[in-house]
Amino acid sequence: GVVPLMLLRIPASFFGVYGFSMMFNSTQKMAITTGLIGAVA
């Protein structure tokens, strides 16, 4: 449904961006910060 899909997209977006940020050699703090931005955007 719409709501379950949205709730799953938030962590998926976070971990997707978090992983890419690590691939760019970001520190853990920077990667987590970037992941939070990606989860929203």
ModelCIF file with pLDDT and N, C-alpha, C, O atoms, coordinates in Angstrom:
data_MODEL
#
_entry.id   MODEL 
#
_entity.id                         1 
_entity.type                       polymer 
_entity.pdbx_number_of_molecules   1 
#
_entity_poly.entity_id                      1 
_entity_poly.type                           'polypeptide(L)' 
_entity_poly.nstd_linkage                   no 
_entity_poly.nstd_monomer                   no 
_entity_poly.pdbx_seq_one_letter_code       GVVPLMLLRIPASFFGVYGFSMMFNSTQKMAITTGLIGAVA 
_entity_poly.pdbx_seq_one_letter_code_can   GVVPLMLLRIPASFFGVYGFSMMFNSTQKMAITTGLIGAVA 
_entity_poly.pdbx_strand_id                 A 
#
loop_
_entity_poly_seq.entity_id 
_entity_poly_seq.num 
_entity_poly_seq.mon_id 
_entity_poly_seq.hetero 
1 1  GLY n 
1 2  VAL n 
1 3  VAL n 
1 4  PRO n 
1 5  LEU n 
1 6  MET n 
1 7  LEU n 
1 8  LEU n 
1 9  ARG n 
1 10 ILE n 
1 11 PRO n 
1 12 ALA n 
1 13 SER n 
1 14 PHE n 
1 15 PHE n 
1 16 GLY n 
1 17 VAL n 
1 18 TYR n 
1 19 GLY n 
1 20 PHE n 
1 21 SER n 
1 22 MET n 
1 23 MET n 
1 24 PHE n 
1 25 ASN n 
1 26 SER n 
1 27 THR n 
1 28 GLN n 
1 29 LYS n 
1 30 MET n 
1 31 ALA n 
1 32 ILE n 
1 33 THR n 
1 34 THR n 
1 35 GLY n 
1 36 LEU n 
1 37 ILE n 
1 38 GLY n 
1 39 ALA n 
1 40 VAL n 
1 41 ALA n 
#
_struct_asym.id          A 
_struct_asym.entity_id   1 
#
loop_
_ma_qa_metric.id 
_ma_qa_metric.mode 
_ma_qa_metric.name 
_ma_qa_metric.software_group_id 
_ma_qa_metric.type 
1 global pLDDT . pLDDT 
2 local  pLDDT . pLDDT 
#
_ma_qa_metric_global.metric_id      1 
_ma_qa_metric_global.metric_value   93.34 
_ma_qa_metric_global.model_id       1 
_ma_qa_metric_global.ordinal_id     1 
#
loop_
_ma_qa_metric_local.label_asym_id 
_ma_qa_metric_local.label_comp_id 
_ma_qa_metric_local.label_seq_id 
_ma_qa_metric_local.metric_id 
_ma_qa_metric_local.metric_value 
_ma_qa_metric_local.model_id 
_ma_qa_metric_local.ordinal_id 
A GLY 1  2 85.00 1 1  
A VAL 2  2 88.00 1 2  
A VAL 3  2 91.00 1 3  
A PRO 4  2 91.00 1 4  
A LEU 5  2 90.00 1 5  
A MET 6  2 92.00 1 6  
A LEU 7  2 93.00 1 7  
A LEU 8  2 94.00 1 8  
A ARG 9  2 93.00 1 9  
A ILE 10 2 95.00 1 10 
A PRO 11 2 95.00 1 11 
A ALA 12 2 94.00 1 12 
A SER 13 2 95.00 1 13 
A PHE 14 2 96.00 1 14 
A PHE 15 2 95.00 1 15 
A GLY 16 2 94.00 1 16 
A VAL 17 2 95.00 1 17 
A TYR 18 2 95.00 1 18 
A GLY 19 2 94.00 1 19 
A PHE 20 2 93.00 1 20 
A SER 21 2 94.00 1 21 
A MET 22 2 94.00 1 22 
A MET 23 2 93.00 1 23 
A PHE 24 2 93.00 1 24 
A ASN 25 2 92.00 1 25 
A SER 26 2 92.00 1 26 
A THR 27 2 92.00 1 27 
A GLN 28 2 94.00 1 28 
A LYS 29 2 93.00 1 29 
A MET 30 2 93.00 1 30 
A ALA 31 2 94.00 1 31 
A ILE 32 2 95.00 1 32 
A THR 33 2 94.00 1 33 
A THR 34 2 94.00 1 34 
A GLY 35 2 94.00 1 35 
A LEU 36 2 95.00 1 36 
A ILE 37 2 95.00 1 37 
A GLY 38 2 93.00 1 38 
A ALA 39 2 95.00 1 39 
A VAL 40 2 95.00 1 40 
A ALA 41 2 95.00 1 41 
#
loop_
_atom_site.group_PDB 
_atom_site.id 
_atom_site.type_symbol 
_atom_site.label_atom_id 
_atom_site.label_alt_id 
_atom_site.label_comp_id 
_atom_site.label_asym_id 
_atom_site.label_entity_id 
_atom_site.label_seq_id 
_atom_site.pdbx_PDB_ins_code 
_atom_site.Cartn_x 
_atom_site.Cartn_y 
_atom_site.Cartn_z 
_atom_site.occupancy 
_atom_site.B_iso_or_equiv 
_atom_site.pdbx_formal_charge 
_atom_site.auth_seq_id 
_atom_site.auth_comp_id 
_atom_site.auth_asym_id 
_atom_site.auth_atom_id 
_atom_site.pdbx_PDB_model_num 
ATOM 1   N N  . GLY A 1 1  ? 0.814  -1.195 0.000  1.00 85.00 ? 1  GLY A N  1 
ATOM 2   C CA . GLY A 1 1  ? 0.000  0.000  0.000  1.00 85.00 ? 1  GLY A CA 1 
ATOM 3   C C  . GLY A 1 1  ? 0.857  1.258  0.000  1.00 85.00 ? 1  GLY A C  1 
ATOM 4   O O  . GLY A 1 1  ? 2.083  1.192  0.087  1.00 85.00 ? 1  GLY A O  1 
ATOM 5   N N  . VAL A 1 2  ? 0.195  2.398  -0.098 1.00 88.00 ? 2  VAL A N  1 
ATOM 6   C CA . VAL A 1 2  ? 0.905  3.668  -0.187 1.00 88.00 ? 2  VAL A CA 1 
ATOM 7   C C  . VAL A 1 2  ? 1.742  3.931  1.056  1.00 88.00 ? 2  VAL A C  1 
ATOM 8   O O  . VAL A 1 2  ? 2.920  4.273  0.952  1.00 88.00 ? 2  VAL A O  1 
ATOM 9   N N  . VAL A 1 3  ? 1.150  3.775  2.214  1.00 91.00 ? 3  VAL A N  1 
ATOM 10  C CA . VAL A 1 3  ? 1.860  4.082  3.460  1.00 91.00 ? 3  VAL A CA 1 
ATOM 11  C C  . VAL A 1 3  ? 2.987  3.089  3.734  1.00 91.00 ? 3  VAL A C  1 
ATOM 12  O O  . VAL A 1 3  ? 4.102  3.524  4.022  1.00 91.00 ? 3  VAL A O  1 
ATOM 13  N N  . PRO A 1 4  ? 2.753  1.771  3.658  1.00 91.00 ? 4  PRO A N  1 
ATOM 14  C CA . PRO A 1 4  ? 3.866  0.839  3.870  1.00 91.00 ? 4  PRO A CA 1 
ATOM 15  C C  . PRO A 1 4  ? 5.022  1.060  2.900  1.00 91.00 ? 4  PRO A C  1 
ATOM 16  O O  . PRO A 1 4  ? 6.188  0.957  3.281  1.00 91.00 ? 4  PRO A O  1 
ATOM 17  N N  . LEU A 1 5  ? 4.693  1.365  1.636  1.00 90.00 ? 5  LEU A N  1 
ATOM 18  C CA . LEU A 1 5  ? 5.744  1.594  0.656  1.00 90.00 ? 5  LEU A CA 1 
ATOM 19  C C  . LEU A 1 5  ? 6.561  2.833  1.012  1.00 90.00 ? 5  LEU A C  1 
ATOM 20  O O  . LEU A 1 5  ? 7.787  2.826  0.893  1.00 90.00 ? 5  LEU A O  1 
ATOM 21  N N  . MET A 1 6  ? 5.895  3.884  1.441  1.00 92.00 ? 6  MET A N  1 
ATOM 22  C CA . MET A 1 6  ? 6.609  5.100  1.827  1.00 92.00 ? 6  MET A CA 1 
ATOM 23  C C  . MET A 1 6  ? 7.506  4.839  3.039  1.00 92.00 ? 6  MET A C  1 
ATOM 24  O O  . MET A 1 6  ? 8.646  5.303  3.082  1.00 92.00 ? 6  MET A O  1 
ATOM 25  N N  . LEU A 1 7  ? 6.992  4.100  4.018  1.00 93.00 ? 7  LEU A N  1 
ATOM 26  C CA . LEU A 1 7  ? 7.765  3.816  5.221  1.00 93.00 ? 7  LEU A CA 1 
ATOM 27  C C  . LEU A 1 7  ? 8.986  2.947  4.910  1.00 93.00 ? 7  LEU A C  1 
ATOM 28  O O  . LEU A 1 7  ? 10.001 3.039  5.601  1.00 93.00 ? 7  LEU A O  1 
ATOM 29  N N  . LEU A 1 8  ? 8.896  2.110  3.884  1.00 94.00 ? 8  LEU A N  1 
ATOM 30  C CA . LEU A 1 8  ? 10.045 1.296  3.484  1.00 94.00 ? 8  LEU A CA 1 
ATOM 31  C C  . LEU A 1 8  ? 11.027 2.094  2.631  1.00 94.00 ? 8  LEU A C  1 
ATOM 32  O O  . LEU A 1 8  ? 12.230 1.831  2.647  1.00 94.00 ? 8  LEU A O  1 
ATOM 33  N N  . ARG A 1 9  ? 10.512 3.064  1.890  1.00 93.00 ? 9  ARG A N  1 
ATOM 34  C CA . ARG A 1 9  ? 11.391 3.881  1.056  1.00 93.00 ? 9  ARG A CA 1 
ATOM 35  C C  . ARG A 1 9  ? 12.338 4.750  1.891  1.00 93.00 ? 9  ARG A C  1 
ATOM 36  O O  . ARG A 1 9  ? 13.455 5.041  1.463  1.00 93.00 ? 9  ARG A O  1 
ATOM 37  N N  . ILE A 1 10 ? 11.899 5.155  3.053  1.00 95.00 ? 10 ILE A N  1 
ATOM 38  C CA . ILE A 1 10 ? 12.752 6.017  3.896  1.00 95.00 ? 10 ILE A CA 1 
ATOM 39  C C  . ILE A 1 10 ? 14.047 5.304  4.285  1.00 95.00 ? 10 ILE A C  1 
ATOM 40  O O  . ILE A 1 10 ? 15.124 5.840  4.022  1.00 95.00 ? 10 ILE A O  1 
ATOM 41  N N  . PRO A 1 11 ? 13.990 4.104  4.908  1.00 95.00 ? 11 PRO A N  1 
ATOM 42  C CA . PRO A 1 11 ? 15.259 3.430  5.221  1.00 95.00 ? 11 PRO A CA 1 
ATOM 43  C C  . PRO A 1 11 ? 16.017 2.983  3.984  1.00 95.00 ? 11 PRO A C  1 
ATOM 44  O O  . PRO A 1 11 ? 17.248 2.974  3.986  1.00 95.00 ? 11 PRO A O  1 
ATOM 45  N N  . ALA A 1 12 ? 15.298 2.607  2.919  1.00 94.00 ? 12 ALA A N  1 
ATOM 46  C CA . ALA A 1 12 ? 15.986 2.196  1.692  1.00 94.00 ? 12 ALA A CA 1 
ATOM 47  C C  . ALA A 1 12 ? 16.779 3.364  1.109  1.00 94.00 ? 12 ALA A C  1 
ATOM 48  O O  . ALA A 1 12 ? 17.914 3.190  0.667  1.00 94.00 ? 12 ALA A O  1 
ATOM 49  N N  . SER A 1 13 ? 16.179 4.548  1.110  1.00 95.00 ? 13 SER A N  1 
ATOM 50  C CA . SER A 1 13 ? 16.884 5.730  0.616  1.00 95.00 ? 13 SER A CA 1 
ATOM 51  C C  . SER A 1 13 ? 18.086 6.045  1.494  1.00 95.00 ? 13 SER A C  1 
ATOM 52  O O  . SER A 1 13 ? 19.155 6.398  0.995  1.00 95.00 ? 13 SER A O  1 
ATOM 53  N N  . PHE A 1 14 ? 17.905 5.916  2.809  1.00 96.00 ? 14 PHE A N  1 
ATOM 54  C CA . PHE A 1 14 ? 19.022 6.173  3.726  1.00 96.00 ? 14 PHE A CA 1 
ATOM 55  C C  . PHE A 1 14 ? 20.183 5.239  3.447  1.00 96.00 ? 14 PHE A C  1 
ATOM 56  O O  . PHE A 1 14 ? 21.314 5.691  3.271  1.00 96.00 ? 14 PHE A O  1 
ATOM 57  N N  . PHE A 1 15 ? 19.917 3.936  3.403  1.00 95.00 ? 15 PHE A N  1 
ATOM 58  C CA . PHE A 1 15 ? 21.002 2.969  3.238  1.00 95.00 ? 15 PHE A CA 1 
ATOM 59  C C  . PHE A 1 15 ? 21.610 3.035  1.837  1.00 95.00 ? 15 PHE A C  1 
ATOM 60  O O  . PHE A 1 15 ? 22.802 2.781  1.664  1.00 95.00 ? 15 PHE A O  1 
ATOM 61  N N  . GLY A 1 16 ? 20.796 3.372  0.842  1.00 94.00 ? 16 GLY A N  1 
ATOM 62  C CA . GLY A 1 16 ? 21.359 3.536  -0.495 1.00 94.00 ? 16 GLY A CA 1 
ATOM 63  C C  . GLY A 1 16 ? 22.351 4.679  -0.552 1.00 94.00 ? 16 GLY A C  1 
ATOM 64  O O  . GLY A 1 16 ? 23.456 4.527  -1.073 1.00 94.00 ? 16 GLY A O  1 
ATOM 65  N N  . VAL A 1 17 ? 21.959 5.822  -0.017 1.00 95.00 ? 17 VAL A N  1 
ATOM 66  C CA . VAL A 1 17 ? 22.847 6.988  -0.004 1.00 95.00 ? 17 VAL A CA 1 
ATOM 67  C C  . VAL A 1 17 ? 24.033 6.747  0.923  1.00 95.00 ? 17 VAL A C  1 
ATOM 68  O O  . VAL A 1 17 ? 25.159 7.128  0.604  1.00 95.00 ? 17 VAL A O  1 
ATOM 69  N N  . TYR A 1 18 ? 23.788 6.120  2.062  1.00 95.00 ? 18 TYR A N  1 
ATOM 70  C CA . TYR A 1 18 ? 24.858 5.804  3.009  1.00 95.00 ? 18 TYR A CA 1 
ATOM 71  C C  . TYR A 1 18 ? 25.929 4.939  2.343  1.00 95.00 ? 18 TYR A C  1 
ATOM 72  O O  . TYR A 1 18 ? 27.123 5.184  2.513  1.00 95.00 ? 18 TYR A O  1 
ATOM 73  N N  . GLY A 1 19 ? 25.501 3.935  1.591  1.00 94.00 ? 19 GLY A N  1 
ATOM 74  C CA . GLY A 1 19 ? 26.448 3.065  0.910  1.00 94.00 ? 19 GLY A CA 1 
ATOM 75  C C  . GLY A 1 19 ? 27.248 3.806  -0.147 1.00 94.00 ? 19 GLY A C  1 
ATOM 76  O O  . GLY A 1 19 ? 28.463 3.633  -0.240 1.00 94.00 ? 19 GLY A O  1 
ATOM 77  N N  . PHE A 1 20 ? 26.580 4.629  -0.945 1.00 93.00 ? 20 PHE A N  1 
ATOM 78  C CA . PHE A 1 20 ? 27.300 5.404  -1.953 1.00 93.00 ? 20 PHE A CA 1 
ATOM 79  C C  . PHE A 1 20 ? 28.282 6.368  -1.301 1.00 93.00 ? 20 PHE A C  1 
ATOM 80  O O  . PHE A 1 20 ? 29.385 6.569  -1.810 1.00 93.00 ? 20 PHE A O  1 
ATOM 81  N N  . SER A 1 21 ? 27.896 6.957  -0.192 1.00 94.00 ? 21 SER A N  1 
ATOM 82  C CA . SER A 1 21 ? 28.783 7.889  0.491  1.00 94.00 ? 21 SER A CA 1 
ATOM 83  C C  . SER A 1 21 ? 30.036 7.183  0.998  1.00 94.00 ? 21 SER A C  1 
ATOM 84  O O  . SER A 1 21 ? 31.129 7.747  0.938  1.00 94.00 ? 21 SER A O  1 
ATOM 85  N N  . MET A 1 22 ? 29.892 5.962  1.494  1.00 94.00 ? 22 MET A N  1 
ATOM 86  C CA . MET A 1 22 ? 31.058 5.184  1.893  1.00 94.00 ? 22 MET A CA 1 
ATOM 87  C C  . MET A 1 22 ? 31.945 4.881  0.689  1.00 94.00 ? 22 MET A C  1 
ATOM 88  O O  . MET A 1 22 ? 33.171 4.898  0.803  1.00 94.00 ? 22 MET A O  1 
ATOM 89  N N  . MET A 1 23 ? 31.342 4.608  -0.452 1.00 93.00 ? 23 MET A N  1 
ATOM 90  C CA . MET A 1 23 ? 32.128 4.353  -1.662 1.00 93.00 ? 23 MET A CA 1 
ATOM 91  C C  . MET A 1 23 ? 32.939 5.575  -2.064 1.00 93.00 ? 23 MET A C  1 
ATOM 92  O O  . MET A 1 23 ? 33.971 5.447  -2.723 1.00 93.00 ? 23 MET A O  1 
ATOM 93  N N  . PHE A 1 24 ? 32.478 6.759  -1.671 1.00 93.00 ? 24 PHE A N  1 
ATOM 94  C CA . PHE A 1 24 ? 33.213 7.996  -1.950 1.00 93.00 ? 24 PHE A CA 1 
ATOM 95  C C  . PHE A 1 24 ? 34.189 8.345  -0.821 1.00 93.00 ? 24 PHE A C  1 
ATOM 96  O O  . PHE A 1 24 ? 34.736 9.448  -0.793 1.00 93.00 ? 24 PHE A O  1 
ATOM 97  N N  . ASN A 1 25 ? 34.408 7.401  0.114  1.00 92.00 ? 25 ASN A N  1 
ATOM 98  C CA . ASN A 1 25 ? 35.374 7.544  1.205  1.00 92.00 ? 25 ASN A CA 1 
ATOM 99  C C  . ASN A 1 25 ? 34.955 8.555  2.265  1.00 92.00 ? 25 ASN A C  1 
ATOM 100 O O  . ASN A 1 25 ? 35.808 9.135  2.936  1.00 92.00 ? 25 ASN A O  1 
ATOM 101 N N  . SER A 1 26 ? 33.661 8.771  2.424  1.00 92.00 ? 26 SER A N  1 
ATOM 102 C CA . SER A 1 26 ? 33.193 9.625  3.507  1.00 92.00 ? 26 SER A CA 1 
ATOM 103 C C  . SER A 1 26 ? 33.414 8.943  4.842  1.00 92.00 ? 26 SER A C  1 
ATOM 104 O O  . SER A 1 26 ? 33.365 7.716  4.932  1.00 92.00 ? 26 SER A O  1 
ATOM 105 N N  . THR A 1 27 ? 33.656 9.726  5.878  1.00 92.00 ? 27 THR A N  1 
ATOM 106 C CA . THR A 1 27 ? 33.704 9.175  7.224  1.00 92.00 ? 27 THR A CA 1 
ATOM 107 C C  . THR A 1 27 ? 32.307 8.691  7.608  1.00 92.00 ? 27 THR A C  1 
ATOM 108 O O  . THR A 1 27 ? 31.319 9.026  6.955  1.00 92.00 ? 27 THR A O  1 
ATOM 109 N N  . GLN A 1 28 ? 32.242 7.906  8.668  1.00 94.00 ? 28 GLN A N  1 
ATOM 110 C CA . GLN A 1 28 ? 30.945 7.389  9.091  1.00 94.00 ? 28 GLN A CA 1 
ATOM 111 C C  . GLN A 1 28 ? 29.973 8.520  9.445  1.00 94.00 ? 28 GLN A C  1 
ATOM 112 O O  . GLN A 1 28 ? 28.794 8.463  9.095  1.00 94.00 ? 28 GLN A O  1 
ATOM 113 N N  . LYS A 1 29 ? 30.469 9.534  10.131 1.00 93.00 ? 29 LYS A N  1 
ATOM 114 C CA . LYS A 1 29 ? 29.599 10.645 10.504 1.00 93.00 ? 29 LYS A CA 1 
ATOM 115 C C  . LYS A 1 29 ? 29.073 11.362 9.266  1.00 93.00 ? 29 LYS A C  1 
ATOM 116 O O  . LYS A 1 29 ? 27.894 11.708 9.192  1.00 93.00 ? 29 LYS A O  1 
ATOM 117 N N  . MET A 1 30 ? 29.960 11.583 8.289  1.00 93.00 ? 30 MET A N  1 
ATOM 118 C CA . MET A 1 30 ? 29.533 12.247 7.058  1.00 93.00 ? 30 MET A CA 1 
ATOM 119 C C  . MET A 1 30 ? 28.578 11.366 6.264  1.00 93.00 ? 30 MET A C  1 
ATOM 120 O O  . MET A 1 30 ? 27.609 11.864 5.691  1.00 93.00 ? 30 MET A O  1 
ATOM 121 N N  . ALA A 1 31 ? 28.844 10.052 6.223  1.00 94.00 ? 31 ALA A N  1 
ATOM 122 C CA . ALA A 1 31 ? 27.979 9.139  5.485  1.00 94.00 ? 31 ALA A CA 1 
ATOM 123 C C  . ALA A 1 31 ? 26.579 9.078  6.099  1.00 94.00 ? 31 ALA A C  1 
ATOM 124 O O  . ALA A 1 31 ? 25.582 9.050  5.377  1.00 94.00 ? 31 ALA A O  1 
ATOM 125 N N  . ILE A 1 32 ? 26.509 9.057  7.423  1.00 95.00 ? 32 ILE A N  1 
ATOM 126 C CA . ILE A 1 32 ? 25.205 9.036  8.096  1.00 95.00 ? 32 ILE A CA 1 
ATOM 127 C C  . ILE A 1 32 ? 24.454 10.339 7.833  1.00 95.00 ? 32 ILE A C  1 
ATOM 128 O O  . ILE A 1 32 ? 23.251 10.331 7.575  1.00 95.00 ? 32 ILE A O  1 
ATOM 129 N N  . THR A 1 33 ? 25.178 11.458 7.901  1.00 94.00 ? 33 THR A N  1 
ATOM 130 C CA . THR A 1 33 ? 24.547 12.755 7.620  1.00 94.00 ? 33 THR A CA 1 
ATOM 131 C C  . THR A 1 33 ? 23.999 12.785 6.202  1.00 94.00 ? 33 THR A C  1 
ATOM 132 O O  . THR A 1 33 ? 22.876 13.234 5.974  1.00 94.00 ? 33 THR A O  1 
ATOM 133 N N  . THR A 1 34 ? 24.786 12.311 5.257  1.00 94.00 ? 34 THR A N  1 
ATOM 134 C CA . THR A 1 34 ? 24.352 12.275 3.863  1.00 94.00 ? 34 THR A CA 1 
ATOM 135 C C  . THR A 1 34 ? 23.167 11.339 3.690  1.00 94.00 ? 34 THR A C  1 
ATOM 136 O O  . THR A 1 34 ? 22.237 11.637 2.941  1.00 94.00 ? 34 THR A O  1 
ATOM 137 N N  . GLY A 1 35 ? 23.202 10.207 4.383  1.00 94.00 ? 35 GLY A N  1 
ATOM 138 C CA . GLY A 1 35 ? 22.089 9.272  4.305  1.00 94.00 ? 35 GLY A CA 1 
ATOM 139 C C  . GLY A 1 35 ? 20.784 9.876  4.786  1.00 94.00 ? 35 GLY A C  1 
ATOM 140 O O  . GLY A 1 35 ? 19.730 9.622  4.202  1.00 94.00 ? 35 GLY A O  1 
ATOM 141 N N  . LEU A 1 36 ? 20.843 10.676 5.847  1.00 95.00 ? 36 LEU A N  1 
ATOM 142 C CA . LEU A 1 36 ? 19.634 11.334 6.348  1.00 95.00 ? 36 LEU A CA 1 
ATOM 143 C C  . LEU A 1 36 ? 19.095 12.335 5.335  1.00 95.00 ? 36 LEU A C  1 
ATOM 144 O O  . LEU A 1 36 ? 17.883 12.445 5.146  1.00 95.00 ? 36 LEU A O  1 
ATOM 145 N N  . ILE A 1 37 ? 20.002 13.068 4.680  1.00 95.00 ? 37 ILE A N  1 
ATOM 146 C CA . ILE A 1 37 ? 19.563 13.995 3.632  1.00 95.00 ? 37 ILE A CA 1 
ATOM 147 C C  . ILE A 1 37 ? 18.881 13.223 2.507  1.00 95.00 ? 37 ILE A C  1 
ATOM 148 O O  . ILE A 1 37 ? 17.815 13.612 2.030  1.00 95.00 ? 37 ILE A O  1 
ATOM 149 N N  . GLY A 1 38 ? 19.511 12.124 2.090  1.00 93.00 ? 38 GLY A N  1 
ATOM 150 C CA . GLY A 1 38 ? 18.935 11.327 1.014  1.00 93.00 ? 38 GLY A CA 1 
ATOM 151 C C  . GLY A 1 38 ? 17.601 10.710 1.391  1.00 93.00 ? 38 GLY A C  1 
ATOM 152 O O  . GLY A 1 38 ? 16.708 10.602 0.549  1.00 93.00 ? 38 GLY A O  1 
ATOM 153 N N  . ALA A 1 39 ? 17.452 10.301 2.658  1.00 95.00 ? 39 ALA A N  1 
ATOM 154 C CA . ALA A 1 39 ? 16.194 9.702  3.093  1.00 95.00 ? 39 ALA A CA 1 
ATOM 155 C C  . ALA A 1 39 ? 15.040 10.680 2.934  1.00 95.00 ? 39 ALA A C  1 
ATOM 156 O O  . ALA A 1 39 ? 13.932 10.289 2.564  1.00 95.00 ? 39 ALA A O  1 
ATOM 157 N N  . VAL A 1 40 ? 15.301 11.947 3.215  1.00 95.00 ? 40 VAL A N  1 
ATOM 158 C CA . VAL A 1 40 ? 14.257 12.971 3.071  1.00 95.00 ? 40 VAL A CA 1 
ATOM 159 C C  . VAL A 1 40 ? 14.037 13.315 1.601  1.00 95.00 ? 40 VAL A C  1 
ATOM 160 O O  . VAL A 1 40 ? 12.908 13.282 1.112  1.00 95.00 ? 40 VAL A O  1 
ATOM 161 N N  . ALA A 1 41 ? 15.120 13.646 0.902  1.00 95.00 ? 41 ALA A N  1 
ATOM 162 C CA . ALA A 1 41 ? 15.006 14.165 -0.470 1.00 95.00 ? 41 ALA A CA 1 
ATOM 163 C C  . ALA A 1 41 ? 14.515 13.098 -1.443 1.00 95.00 ? 41 ALA A C  1 
ATOM 164 O O  . ALA A 1 41 ? 14.365 13.371 -2.634 1.00 95.00 ? 41 ALA A O  1 
#
